[in-house]
N, C-alpha and C. Protein backbone atom coordinates (compact mmCIF):
# COMPACT_ATOMS: atom_id res chain seq x y z
N MET A 1 -2.38 12.22 -15.53
CA MET A 1 -1.70 13.38 -15.01
C MET A 1 -0.65 12.94 -13.99
N ALA A 2 0.50 13.52 -14.04
CA ALA A 2 1.59 13.14 -13.15
C ALA A 2 1.45 13.81 -11.80
N VAL A 3 2.06 13.21 -10.81
CA VAL A 3 2.09 13.77 -9.47
C VAL A 3 2.72 15.16 -9.51
N THR A 4 2.10 16.12 -8.80
CA THR A 4 2.58 17.50 -8.85
C THR A 4 3.35 17.92 -7.62
N ALA A 5 3.12 17.26 -6.48
CA ALA A 5 3.75 17.72 -5.25
C ALA A 5 3.91 16.59 -4.25
N LEU A 6 4.94 16.70 -3.43
CA LEU A 6 5.11 15.84 -2.26
C LEU A 6 5.28 16.76 -1.06
N ASP A 7 4.37 16.66 -0.12
CA ASP A 7 4.41 17.51 1.06
C ASP A 7 5.69 17.26 1.86
N PRO A 8 6.11 18.25 2.65
CA PRO A 8 7.28 18.03 3.51
C PRO A 8 7.12 16.82 4.43
N LYS A 9 5.88 16.55 4.84
CA LYS A 9 5.60 15.40 5.73
C LYS A 9 4.80 14.37 4.94
N THR A 10 5.51 13.61 4.14
CA THR A 10 4.90 12.56 3.32
C THR A 10 5.41 11.20 3.79
N ALA A 11 4.53 10.22 3.83
CA ALA A 11 4.91 8.85 4.21
C ALA A 11 4.64 7.91 3.04
N LEU A 12 5.49 6.91 2.92
CA LEU A 12 5.24 5.80 1.98
C LEU A 12 4.44 4.75 2.73
N VAL A 13 3.37 4.27 2.12
CA VAL A 13 2.54 3.23 2.71
C VAL A 13 2.48 2.07 1.72
N ALA A 14 3.10 0.96 2.09
CA ALA A 14 3.15 -0.23 1.23
C ALA A 14 2.10 -1.23 1.73
N ILE A 15 1.19 -1.59 0.85
CA ILE A 15 0.05 -2.43 1.20
C ILE A 15 0.30 -3.90 0.86
N ASP A 16 0.25 -4.74 1.88
CA ASP A 16 0.20 -6.20 1.75
C ASP A 16 1.35 -6.83 0.95
N LEU A 17 2.53 -6.26 1.05
CA LEU A 17 3.67 -6.89 0.37
C LEU A 17 4.26 -7.92 1.33
N GLN A 18 3.57 -9.03 1.38
CA GLN A 18 3.88 -10.12 2.30
C GLN A 18 4.01 -11.41 1.50
N ASN A 19 4.46 -12.46 2.16
CA ASN A 19 4.80 -13.70 1.46
C ASN A 19 3.67 -14.24 0.59
N SER A 20 2.44 -14.25 1.08
CA SER A 20 1.34 -14.82 0.29
C SER A 20 1.05 -14.00 -0.96
N VAL A 21 1.16 -12.69 -0.85
CA VAL A 21 0.87 -11.83 -2.01
C VAL A 21 1.99 -11.95 -3.04
N LEU A 22 3.23 -11.99 -2.59
CA LEU A 22 4.35 -12.09 -3.53
C LEU A 22 4.42 -13.44 -4.21
N ALA A 23 3.69 -14.43 -3.69
CA ALA A 23 3.63 -15.73 -4.34
C ALA A 23 2.69 -15.70 -5.55
N ALA A 24 1.80 -14.70 -5.62
CA ALA A 24 0.89 -14.56 -6.76
C ALA A 24 1.62 -13.84 -7.89
N SER A 25 1.09 -13.97 -9.10
CA SER A 25 1.78 -13.39 -10.26
C SER A 25 1.53 -11.89 -10.42
N GLY A 26 0.31 -11.44 -10.26
CA GLY A 26 0.00 -10.02 -10.43
C GLY A 26 -0.24 -9.65 -11.88
N ALA A 27 -1.11 -8.63 -12.07
CA ALA A 27 -1.39 -8.14 -13.42
C ALA A 27 -1.83 -6.68 -13.30
N PRO A 28 -1.35 -5.80 -14.09
CA PRO A 28 -0.47 -5.99 -15.24
C PRO A 28 1.01 -6.06 -14.87
N HIS A 29 1.36 -5.67 -13.64
CA HIS A 29 2.76 -5.73 -13.20
C HIS A 29 2.96 -6.99 -12.37
N THR A 30 4.11 -7.61 -12.48
CA THR A 30 4.38 -8.76 -11.63
C THR A 30 4.56 -8.27 -10.20
N THR A 31 4.28 -9.15 -9.26
CA THR A 31 4.48 -8.77 -7.86
C THR A 31 5.96 -8.54 -7.58
N ALA A 32 6.83 -9.24 -8.29
CA ALA A 32 8.27 -9.03 -8.11
C ALA A 32 8.67 -7.61 -8.55
N ASP A 33 8.09 -7.12 -9.64
CA ASP A 33 8.37 -5.75 -10.10
C ASP A 33 7.82 -4.72 -9.12
N VAL A 34 6.62 -4.97 -8.60
CA VAL A 34 6.02 -4.06 -7.61
C VAL A 34 6.89 -4.01 -6.37
N LEU A 35 7.37 -5.16 -5.93
CA LEU A 35 8.26 -5.20 -4.76
C LEU A 35 9.55 -4.43 -5.04
N ALA A 36 10.17 -4.65 -6.18
CA ALA A 36 11.43 -3.96 -6.50
C ALA A 36 11.24 -2.45 -6.52
N ARG A 37 10.13 -1.99 -7.09
CA ARG A 37 9.88 -0.54 -7.14
C ARG A 37 9.57 0.01 -5.75
N THR A 38 8.86 -0.76 -4.95
CA THR A 38 8.56 -0.34 -3.58
C THR A 38 9.83 -0.26 -2.76
N VAL A 39 10.74 -1.21 -2.94
CA VAL A 39 12.02 -1.17 -2.22
C VAL A 39 12.78 0.10 -2.58
N ARG A 40 12.80 0.47 -3.85
CA ARG A 40 13.48 1.71 -4.27
C ARG A 40 12.85 2.93 -3.59
N LEU A 41 11.52 2.98 -3.58
CA LEU A 41 10.84 4.09 -2.93
C LEU A 41 11.11 4.09 -1.42
N ALA A 42 11.04 2.93 -0.80
CA ALA A 42 11.28 2.84 0.65
C ALA A 42 12.69 3.31 1.00
N ASP A 43 13.66 2.88 0.23
CA ASP A 43 15.05 3.32 0.48
C ASP A 43 15.17 4.84 0.36
N ALA A 44 14.51 5.41 -0.65
CA ALA A 44 14.56 6.86 -0.85
C ALA A 44 13.86 7.60 0.29
N PHE A 45 12.73 7.09 0.74
CA PHE A 45 12.02 7.72 1.86
C PHE A 45 12.86 7.62 3.13
N ARG A 46 13.36 6.43 3.42
CA ARG A 46 14.18 6.27 4.63
C ARG A 46 15.40 7.17 4.59
N GLY A 47 16.03 7.28 3.43
CA GLY A 47 17.22 8.10 3.28
C GLY A 47 16.97 9.58 3.52
N ARG A 48 15.71 9.98 3.45
CA ARG A 48 15.35 11.39 3.69
C ARG A 48 14.64 11.58 5.03
N GLY A 49 14.64 10.54 5.84
CA GLY A 49 14.01 10.62 7.15
C GLY A 49 12.50 10.66 7.11
N LEU A 50 11.92 10.19 6.00
CA LEU A 50 10.46 10.15 5.86
C LEU A 50 9.95 8.76 6.25
N PRO A 51 8.79 8.69 6.88
CA PRO A 51 8.28 7.41 7.36
C PRO A 51 7.94 6.43 6.24
N VAL A 52 8.21 5.17 6.55
CA VAL A 52 7.79 4.05 5.70
C VAL A 52 6.86 3.19 6.55
N VAL A 53 5.65 2.96 6.03
CA VAL A 53 4.65 2.16 6.72
C VAL A 53 4.46 0.87 5.93
N LEU A 54 4.65 -0.24 6.60
CA LEU A 54 4.47 -1.55 5.99
C LEU A 54 3.20 -2.16 6.55
N VAL A 55 2.23 -2.35 5.68
CA VAL A 55 0.92 -2.86 6.09
C VAL A 55 0.83 -4.33 5.72
N ARG A 56 0.39 -5.12 6.68
CA ARG A 56 0.21 -6.55 6.40
C ARG A 56 -1.19 -6.98 6.79
N LEU A 57 -1.69 -7.95 6.08
CA LEU A 57 -3.01 -8.53 6.33
C LEU A 57 -2.82 -9.86 7.04
N THR A 58 -3.57 -10.09 8.10
CA THR A 58 -3.53 -11.38 8.77
C THR A 58 -4.87 -11.66 9.43
N PHE A 59 -5.06 -12.91 9.82
CA PHE A 59 -6.25 -13.35 10.54
C PHE A 59 -5.83 -14.36 11.58
N ALA A 60 -6.66 -14.52 12.60
CA ALA A 60 -6.46 -15.58 13.59
C ALA A 60 -6.56 -16.93 12.87
N PRO A 61 -5.90 -17.95 13.41
CA PRO A 61 -5.94 -19.27 12.75
C PRO A 61 -7.36 -19.78 12.47
N ASP A 62 -8.31 -19.44 13.35
CA ASP A 62 -9.68 -19.91 13.12
C ASP A 62 -10.49 -18.98 12.23
N GLY A 63 -9.89 -17.86 11.81
CA GLY A 63 -10.59 -16.91 10.95
C GLY A 63 -11.65 -16.10 11.67
N GLY A 64 -11.69 -16.20 12.99
CA GLY A 64 -12.72 -15.53 13.77
C GLY A 64 -12.67 -14.01 13.70
N ASP A 65 -11.52 -13.44 13.35
CA ASP A 65 -11.43 -11.98 13.25
C ASP A 65 -11.47 -11.48 11.81
N ALA A 66 -11.77 -12.37 10.88
CA ALA A 66 -11.91 -11.98 9.47
C ALA A 66 -13.23 -11.24 9.28
N VAL A 67 -13.29 -10.41 8.25
CA VAL A 67 -14.50 -9.64 7.97
C VAL A 67 -15.64 -10.60 7.66
N PRO A 68 -16.77 -10.46 8.38
CA PRO A 68 -17.90 -11.35 8.12
C PRO A 68 -18.74 -10.84 6.95
N GLY A 69 -19.77 -11.53 6.67
CA GLY A 69 -20.72 -11.09 5.65
C GLY A 69 -20.71 -11.99 4.43
N ARG A 70 -21.86 -12.12 3.83
CA ARG A 70 -22.00 -12.95 2.64
C ARG A 70 -21.50 -12.20 1.41
N THR A 71 -20.84 -12.92 0.52
CA THR A 71 -20.37 -12.36 -0.73
C THR A 71 -20.64 -13.35 -1.86
N ASP A 72 -20.66 -12.85 -3.08
CA ASP A 72 -20.87 -13.72 -4.23
C ASP A 72 -19.66 -14.60 -4.50
N LEU A 73 -18.47 -14.09 -4.21
CA LEU A 73 -17.26 -14.87 -4.45
C LEU A 73 -16.86 -15.61 -3.18
N PRO A 74 -16.34 -16.83 -3.34
CA PRO A 74 -15.95 -17.59 -2.14
C PRO A 74 -14.77 -16.94 -1.43
N ARG A 75 -14.72 -17.14 -0.13
CA ARG A 75 -13.61 -16.62 0.67
C ARG A 75 -12.42 -17.57 0.57
N HIS A 76 -11.24 -17.04 0.92
CA HIS A 76 -10.04 -17.88 0.93
C HIS A 76 -10.14 -18.93 2.03
N ALA A 77 -9.44 -20.00 1.86
CA ALA A 77 -9.42 -21.06 2.86
C ALA A 77 -8.89 -20.52 4.19
N ALA A 78 -9.42 -21.04 5.28
CA ALA A 78 -9.01 -20.58 6.61
C ALA A 78 -7.60 -21.03 6.98
N THR A 79 -7.16 -22.17 6.43
CA THR A 79 -5.81 -22.64 6.74
C THR A 79 -4.83 -22.08 5.72
N ARG A 80 -3.78 -21.48 6.24
CA ARG A 80 -2.76 -20.87 5.38
C ARG A 80 -1.40 -21.40 5.78
N PRO A 81 -0.45 -21.37 4.86
CA PRO A 81 0.89 -21.88 5.20
C PRO A 81 1.59 -20.99 6.22
N GLU A 82 2.49 -21.56 6.96
CA GLU A 82 3.28 -20.82 7.94
C GLU A 82 3.99 -19.64 7.26
N GLY A 83 3.89 -18.47 7.88
CA GLY A 83 4.57 -17.29 7.37
C GLY A 83 3.88 -16.58 6.22
N TRP A 84 2.65 -16.98 5.88
CA TRP A 84 1.93 -16.36 4.76
C TRP A 84 1.75 -14.87 4.94
N ASP A 85 1.64 -14.44 6.20
CA ASP A 85 1.34 -13.04 6.49
C ASP A 85 2.58 -12.22 6.87
N ARG A 86 3.74 -12.78 6.72
CA ARG A 86 4.98 -12.08 7.07
C ARG A 86 5.40 -11.14 5.93
N ILE A 87 5.74 -9.91 6.30
CA ILE A 87 6.23 -8.94 5.31
C ILE A 87 7.50 -9.51 4.69
N VAL A 88 7.63 -9.37 3.38
CA VAL A 88 8.77 -9.97 2.67
C VAL A 88 10.09 -9.39 3.17
N ASP A 89 11.11 -10.23 3.15
CA ASP A 89 12.43 -9.85 3.68
C ASP A 89 13.00 -8.61 3.02
N ALA A 90 12.72 -8.41 1.74
CA ALA A 90 13.29 -7.25 1.03
C ALA A 90 12.83 -5.92 1.63
N LEU A 91 11.70 -5.91 2.33
CA LEU A 91 11.18 -4.69 2.95
C LEU A 91 11.32 -4.69 4.48
N ALA A 92 11.31 -5.85 5.08
CA ALA A 92 11.28 -5.95 6.54
C ALA A 92 12.66 -5.68 7.15
N GLY A 93 12.64 -5.48 8.46
CA GLY A 93 13.88 -5.40 9.21
C GLY A 93 14.48 -4.03 9.41
N HIS A 94 13.76 -2.99 9.05
CA HIS A 94 14.26 -1.62 9.26
C HIS A 94 13.60 -1.09 10.54
N PRO A 95 14.39 -0.85 11.58
CA PRO A 95 13.81 -0.51 12.88
C PRO A 95 12.95 0.74 12.90
N GLY A 96 13.17 1.69 12.03
CA GLY A 96 12.37 2.91 12.02
C GLY A 96 11.04 2.78 11.31
N ASP A 97 10.82 1.68 10.60
CA ASP A 97 9.57 1.51 9.86
C ASP A 97 8.41 1.27 10.81
N ILE A 98 7.23 1.68 10.38
CA ILE A 98 6.00 1.46 11.12
C ILE A 98 5.32 0.24 10.50
N VAL A 99 4.95 -0.73 11.32
CA VAL A 99 4.24 -1.90 10.82
C VAL A 99 2.80 -1.83 11.32
N VAL A 100 1.87 -1.94 10.39
CA VAL A 100 0.45 -1.89 10.69
C VAL A 100 -0.15 -3.24 10.29
N THR A 101 -0.92 -3.82 11.20
CA THR A 101 -1.59 -5.08 10.92
C THR A 101 -3.07 -4.83 10.75
N LYS A 102 -3.60 -5.30 9.61
CA LYS A 102 -5.03 -5.11 9.31
C LYS A 102 -5.70 -6.46 9.12
N ARG A 103 -7.01 -6.43 9.20
CA ARG A 103 -7.79 -7.65 9.05
C ARG A 103 -8.91 -7.49 8.03
N ASN A 104 -8.79 -6.46 7.22
CA ASN A 104 -9.75 -6.19 6.16
C ASN A 104 -9.03 -5.43 5.06
N TRP A 105 -9.73 -4.89 4.09
CA TRP A 105 -9.07 -4.27 2.95
C TRP A 105 -8.35 -2.98 3.29
N SER A 106 -9.01 -2.04 3.96
CA SER A 106 -8.40 -0.74 4.23
C SER A 106 -7.38 -0.82 5.36
N ALA A 107 -6.26 -0.14 5.16
CA ALA A 107 -5.22 -0.10 6.20
C ALA A 107 -5.61 0.82 7.34
N PHE A 108 -6.69 1.57 7.20
CA PHE A 108 -7.14 2.47 8.26
C PHE A 108 -8.13 1.81 9.21
N HIS A 109 -9.06 1.06 8.69
CA HIS A 109 -10.16 0.53 9.50
C HIS A 109 -9.64 -0.49 10.53
N GLY A 110 -9.86 -0.19 11.81
CA GLY A 110 -9.50 -1.12 12.87
C GLY A 110 -8.02 -1.21 13.16
N THR A 111 -7.22 -0.24 12.69
CA THR A 111 -5.78 -0.24 12.94
C THR A 111 -5.38 1.08 13.58
N ASP A 112 -4.09 1.21 13.87
CA ASP A 112 -3.59 2.48 14.42
C ASP A 112 -2.90 3.33 13.36
N LEU A 113 -3.17 3.08 12.08
CA LEU A 113 -2.50 3.84 11.02
C LEU A 113 -2.78 5.34 11.14
N GLU A 114 -4.02 5.72 11.34
CA GLU A 114 -4.36 7.14 11.46
C GLU A 114 -3.58 7.79 12.61
N LEU A 115 -3.52 7.12 13.74
CA LEU A 115 -2.78 7.63 14.90
C LEU A 115 -1.30 7.77 14.57
N GLN A 116 -0.72 6.77 13.95
CA GLN A 116 0.71 6.80 13.59
C GLN A 116 1.02 7.96 12.66
N LEU A 117 0.17 8.20 11.68
CA LEU A 117 0.40 9.28 10.72
C LEU A 117 0.19 10.65 11.37
N ARG A 118 -0.89 10.82 12.08
CA ARG A 118 -1.20 12.13 12.69
C ARG A 118 -0.14 12.53 13.71
N ARG A 119 0.33 11.60 14.52
CA ARG A 119 1.34 11.94 15.53
C ARG A 119 2.65 12.39 14.90
N ARG A 120 2.87 11.99 13.67
CA ARG A 120 4.08 12.40 12.95
C ARG A 120 3.83 13.61 12.05
N GLY A 121 2.62 14.14 12.07
CA GLY A 121 2.29 15.32 11.27
C GLY A 121 2.20 15.04 9.78
N ILE A 122 1.97 13.79 9.40
CA ILE A 122 1.91 13.42 7.99
C ILE A 122 0.67 14.02 7.34
N THR A 123 0.87 14.63 6.17
CA THR A 123 -0.25 15.22 5.42
C THR A 123 -0.46 14.55 4.07
N GLN A 124 0.47 13.68 3.67
CA GLN A 124 0.37 13.02 2.36
C GLN A 124 0.91 11.60 2.48
N ILE A 125 0.28 10.69 1.72
CA ILE A 125 0.81 9.33 1.64
C ILE A 125 1.02 8.96 0.17
N VAL A 126 2.06 8.18 -0.06
CA VAL A 126 2.32 7.57 -1.36
C VAL A 126 2.04 6.09 -1.19
N LEU A 127 1.16 5.55 -2.02
CA LEU A 127 0.74 4.16 -1.90
C LEU A 127 1.39 3.26 -2.93
N THR A 128 1.79 2.07 -2.47
CA THR A 128 2.24 0.98 -3.32
C THR A 128 1.60 -0.29 -2.81
N GLY A 129 1.70 -1.38 -3.58
CA GLY A 129 1.27 -2.67 -3.07
C GLY A 129 0.26 -3.39 -3.92
N ALA A 130 -0.44 -4.30 -3.24
CA ALA A 130 -1.42 -5.14 -3.92
C ALA A 130 -2.56 -5.44 -2.94
N ALA A 131 -3.68 -5.66 -3.42
CA ALA A 131 -4.13 -5.57 -4.78
C ALA A 131 -4.71 -4.18 -5.03
N THR A 132 -4.51 -3.70 -6.23
CA THR A 132 -4.93 -2.35 -6.59
C THR A 132 -6.38 -2.09 -6.23
N THR A 133 -7.27 -3.01 -6.60
CA THR A 133 -8.71 -2.80 -6.42
C THR A 133 -9.21 -3.14 -5.03
N MET A 134 -8.34 -3.68 -4.19
CA MET A 134 -8.78 -4.04 -2.84
C MET A 134 -8.03 -3.20 -1.81
N GLY A 135 -6.90 -3.68 -1.32
CA GLY A 135 -6.19 -2.98 -0.26
C GLY A 135 -5.73 -1.59 -0.63
N VAL A 136 -5.21 -1.42 -1.84
CA VAL A 136 -4.69 -0.11 -2.25
C VAL A 136 -5.84 0.89 -2.41
N GLU A 137 -6.86 0.52 -3.19
CA GLU A 137 -7.96 1.45 -3.42
C GLU A 137 -8.72 1.76 -2.13
N SER A 138 -8.97 0.75 -1.30
CA SER A 138 -9.68 1.00 -0.04
C SER A 138 -8.89 1.94 0.85
N THR A 139 -7.60 1.77 0.93
CA THR A 139 -6.76 2.64 1.75
C THR A 139 -6.73 4.04 1.15
N ALA A 140 -6.63 4.15 -0.16
CA ALA A 140 -6.63 5.46 -0.81
C ALA A 140 -7.94 6.20 -0.55
N ARG A 141 -9.05 5.51 -0.66
CA ARG A 141 -10.35 6.14 -0.42
C ARG A 141 -10.43 6.66 1.02
N THR A 142 -10.04 5.83 1.98
CA THR A 142 -10.11 6.24 3.38
C THR A 142 -9.16 7.39 3.67
N ALA A 143 -7.95 7.33 3.11
CA ALA A 143 -6.99 8.42 3.32
C ALA A 143 -7.56 9.73 2.77
N HIS A 144 -8.15 9.67 1.60
CA HIS A 144 -8.77 10.86 1.01
C HIS A 144 -9.88 11.39 1.92
N GLU A 145 -10.70 10.51 2.42
CA GLU A 145 -11.80 10.92 3.31
C GLU A 145 -11.28 11.51 4.62
N HIS A 146 -10.09 11.11 5.05
CA HIS A 146 -9.47 11.65 6.27
C HIS A 146 -8.69 12.94 6.00
N GLY A 147 -8.67 13.39 4.75
CA GLY A 147 -8.04 14.66 4.43
C GLY A 147 -6.57 14.60 4.06
N TYR A 148 -6.05 13.42 3.79
CA TYR A 148 -4.66 13.30 3.34
C TYR A 148 -4.58 13.56 1.84
N HIS A 149 -3.47 14.11 1.39
CA HIS A 149 -3.14 14.10 -0.02
C HIS A 149 -2.67 12.69 -0.32
N VAL A 150 -3.15 12.12 -1.40
CA VAL A 150 -2.84 10.73 -1.75
C VAL A 150 -2.17 10.70 -3.11
N THR A 151 -1.09 9.94 -3.19
CA THR A 151 -0.42 9.68 -4.47
C THR A 151 -0.32 8.17 -4.62
N VAL A 152 -0.65 7.67 -5.79
CA VAL A 152 -0.54 6.25 -6.08
C VAL A 152 0.58 6.05 -7.09
N ALA A 153 1.54 5.21 -6.73
CA ALA A 153 2.64 4.87 -7.64
C ALA A 153 2.11 3.83 -8.63
N THR A 154 1.78 4.27 -9.82
CA THR A 154 1.03 3.45 -10.78
C THR A 154 1.73 2.17 -11.21
N ASP A 155 3.05 2.16 -11.21
CA ASP A 155 3.77 0.94 -11.61
C ASP A 155 4.28 0.16 -10.40
N ALA A 156 3.87 0.59 -9.20
CA ALA A 156 4.23 -0.12 -7.97
C ALA A 156 2.97 -0.62 -7.27
N VAL A 157 1.89 -0.77 -8.05
CA VAL A 157 0.67 -1.42 -7.59
C VAL A 157 0.26 -2.43 -8.66
N THR A 158 -0.38 -3.49 -8.23
CA THR A 158 -0.84 -4.50 -9.17
C THR A 158 -2.04 -5.21 -8.59
N ASP A 159 -2.66 -6.03 -9.42
CA ASP A 159 -3.91 -6.69 -9.05
C ASP A 159 -3.88 -8.13 -9.54
N LEU A 160 -4.95 -8.84 -9.28
CA LEU A 160 -5.11 -10.17 -9.86
C LEU A 160 -5.70 -10.08 -11.26
N ASP A 161 -6.28 -8.92 -11.57
CA ASP A 161 -7.00 -8.71 -12.82
C ASP A 161 -6.54 -7.39 -13.44
N ALA A 162 -5.88 -7.45 -14.58
CA ALA A 162 -5.34 -6.24 -15.22
C ALA A 162 -6.44 -5.26 -15.59
N GLU A 163 -7.58 -5.74 -16.04
CA GLU A 163 -8.68 -4.85 -16.41
C GLU A 163 -9.20 -4.09 -15.20
N ALA A 164 -9.35 -4.77 -14.08
CA ALA A 164 -9.80 -4.11 -12.85
C ALA A 164 -8.76 -3.09 -12.39
N HIS A 165 -7.48 -3.44 -12.47
CA HIS A 165 -6.38 -2.52 -12.12
C HIS A 165 -6.49 -1.24 -12.94
N HIS A 166 -6.63 -1.39 -14.24
CA HIS A 166 -6.71 -0.22 -15.12
C HIS A 166 -7.96 0.62 -14.83
N SER A 167 -9.05 -0.03 -14.45
CA SER A 167 -10.26 0.69 -14.10
C SER A 167 -10.03 1.58 -12.88
N SER A 168 -9.36 1.05 -11.87
CA SER A 168 -9.05 1.87 -10.68
C SER A 168 -8.18 3.05 -11.06
N LEU A 169 -7.15 2.82 -11.88
CA LEU A 169 -6.25 3.90 -12.27
C LEU A 169 -6.96 4.95 -13.12
N ALA A 170 -7.87 4.53 -13.97
CA ALA A 170 -8.53 5.46 -14.89
C ALA A 170 -9.77 6.13 -14.29
N LYS A 171 -10.50 5.41 -13.46
CA LYS A 171 -11.80 5.92 -13.02
C LYS A 171 -11.86 6.34 -11.55
N VAL A 172 -11.14 5.65 -10.68
CA VAL A 172 -11.25 5.94 -9.24
C VAL A 172 -10.16 6.89 -8.77
N PHE A 173 -8.90 6.55 -9.01
CA PHE A 173 -7.81 7.34 -8.46
C PHE A 173 -7.80 8.80 -8.91
N PRO A 174 -8.15 9.13 -10.15
CA PRO A 174 -8.15 10.55 -10.51
C PRO A 174 -9.11 11.40 -9.66
N ARG A 175 -10.10 10.79 -9.04
CA ARG A 175 -11.06 11.52 -8.21
C ARG A 175 -10.58 11.70 -6.77
N ILE A 176 -9.61 10.88 -6.34
CA ILE A 176 -9.20 10.91 -4.93
C ILE A 176 -7.71 11.05 -4.73
N ALA A 177 -6.95 11.06 -5.82
CA ALA A 177 -5.49 11.03 -5.68
C ALA A 177 -4.81 11.60 -6.91
N GLU A 178 -3.53 11.84 -6.76
CA GLU A 178 -2.66 12.06 -7.91
C GLU A 178 -1.95 10.74 -8.17
N THR A 179 -1.50 10.56 -9.39
CA THR A 179 -0.80 9.33 -9.74
C THR A 179 0.52 9.67 -10.41
N GLY A 180 1.45 8.75 -10.31
CA GLY A 180 2.74 8.92 -10.97
C GLY A 180 3.50 7.62 -10.93
N THR A 181 4.45 7.49 -11.82
CA THR A 181 5.28 6.29 -11.82
C THR A 181 6.30 6.38 -10.69
N THR A 182 6.94 5.28 -10.42
CA THR A 182 8.00 5.26 -9.41
C THR A 182 9.07 6.29 -9.76
N GLU A 183 9.47 6.35 -11.02
CA GLU A 183 10.51 7.31 -11.43
C GLU A 183 10.06 8.75 -11.23
N GLU A 184 8.81 9.04 -11.56
CA GLU A 184 8.31 10.40 -11.37
C GLU A 184 8.29 10.79 -9.89
N ILE A 185 7.91 9.85 -9.04
CA ILE A 185 7.88 10.12 -7.60
C ILE A 185 9.29 10.28 -7.07
N LEU A 186 10.21 9.42 -7.49
CA LEU A 186 11.60 9.52 -7.05
C LEU A 186 12.24 10.85 -7.51
N ASP A 187 11.95 11.25 -8.73
CA ASP A 187 12.48 12.54 -9.24
C ASP A 187 11.95 13.70 -8.42
N LEU A 188 10.65 13.70 -8.14
CA LEU A 188 10.05 14.77 -7.35
C LEU A 188 10.58 14.75 -5.92
N LEU A 189 10.76 13.57 -5.38
CA LEU A 189 11.33 13.44 -4.03
C LEU A 189 12.73 14.03 -3.96
N ALA A 190 13.54 13.76 -4.98
CA ALA A 190 14.90 14.29 -5.04
C ALA A 190 14.91 15.82 -5.13
N LYS A 191 13.94 16.38 -5.84
CA LYS A 191 13.88 17.83 -6.01
C LYS A 191 13.34 18.55 -4.77
N THR A 192 12.42 17.92 -4.07
CA THR A 192 11.73 18.60 -2.97
C THR A 192 12.20 18.21 -1.58
N HIS A 193 12.93 17.11 -1.47
CA HIS A 193 13.39 16.62 -0.17
C HIS A 193 14.89 16.30 -0.23
N ALA A 194 15.67 17.27 -0.59
CA ALA A 194 17.10 17.07 -0.82
C ALA A 194 17.86 16.63 0.39
């Protein structure tokens, strides 16, 4: 089902479009395609005076602020290359953008994202980024639980695993969000936010 509405106070929230993520290939969409579509959406939001939120994931060099707990899958190495957590140049550098730094999957937990959105009267978010099943889905779930209308740009999100990506789009997002392609969102934005 396509996205039906964009509230007057809608923000674009781009998840983890930073150097380390853009170095990965992505599936089913390449990270380069996700970035290009997110840039188009960000330009359209900025052009209409709507907030753009750029979320980045980072940790202290010693990993001491990373999420603890045992998992079946191994964690990433604690040493990362310089600039791994920097938002990519194609999105960065716009003074009106809101930058949120997170240390776990959801952009809400332990950050000021909720405060930033509420102070601006935001009632809806449009999500892009990577990875679909981690940062994007976790943020969408939390936004839904906080009472926001959530829209996921289906061709501006990607994962490391195409099957997992499709599962989120088919099974999870229909319960907590509306979905639409970048073009559908841009068309609706043009009609409702002239």
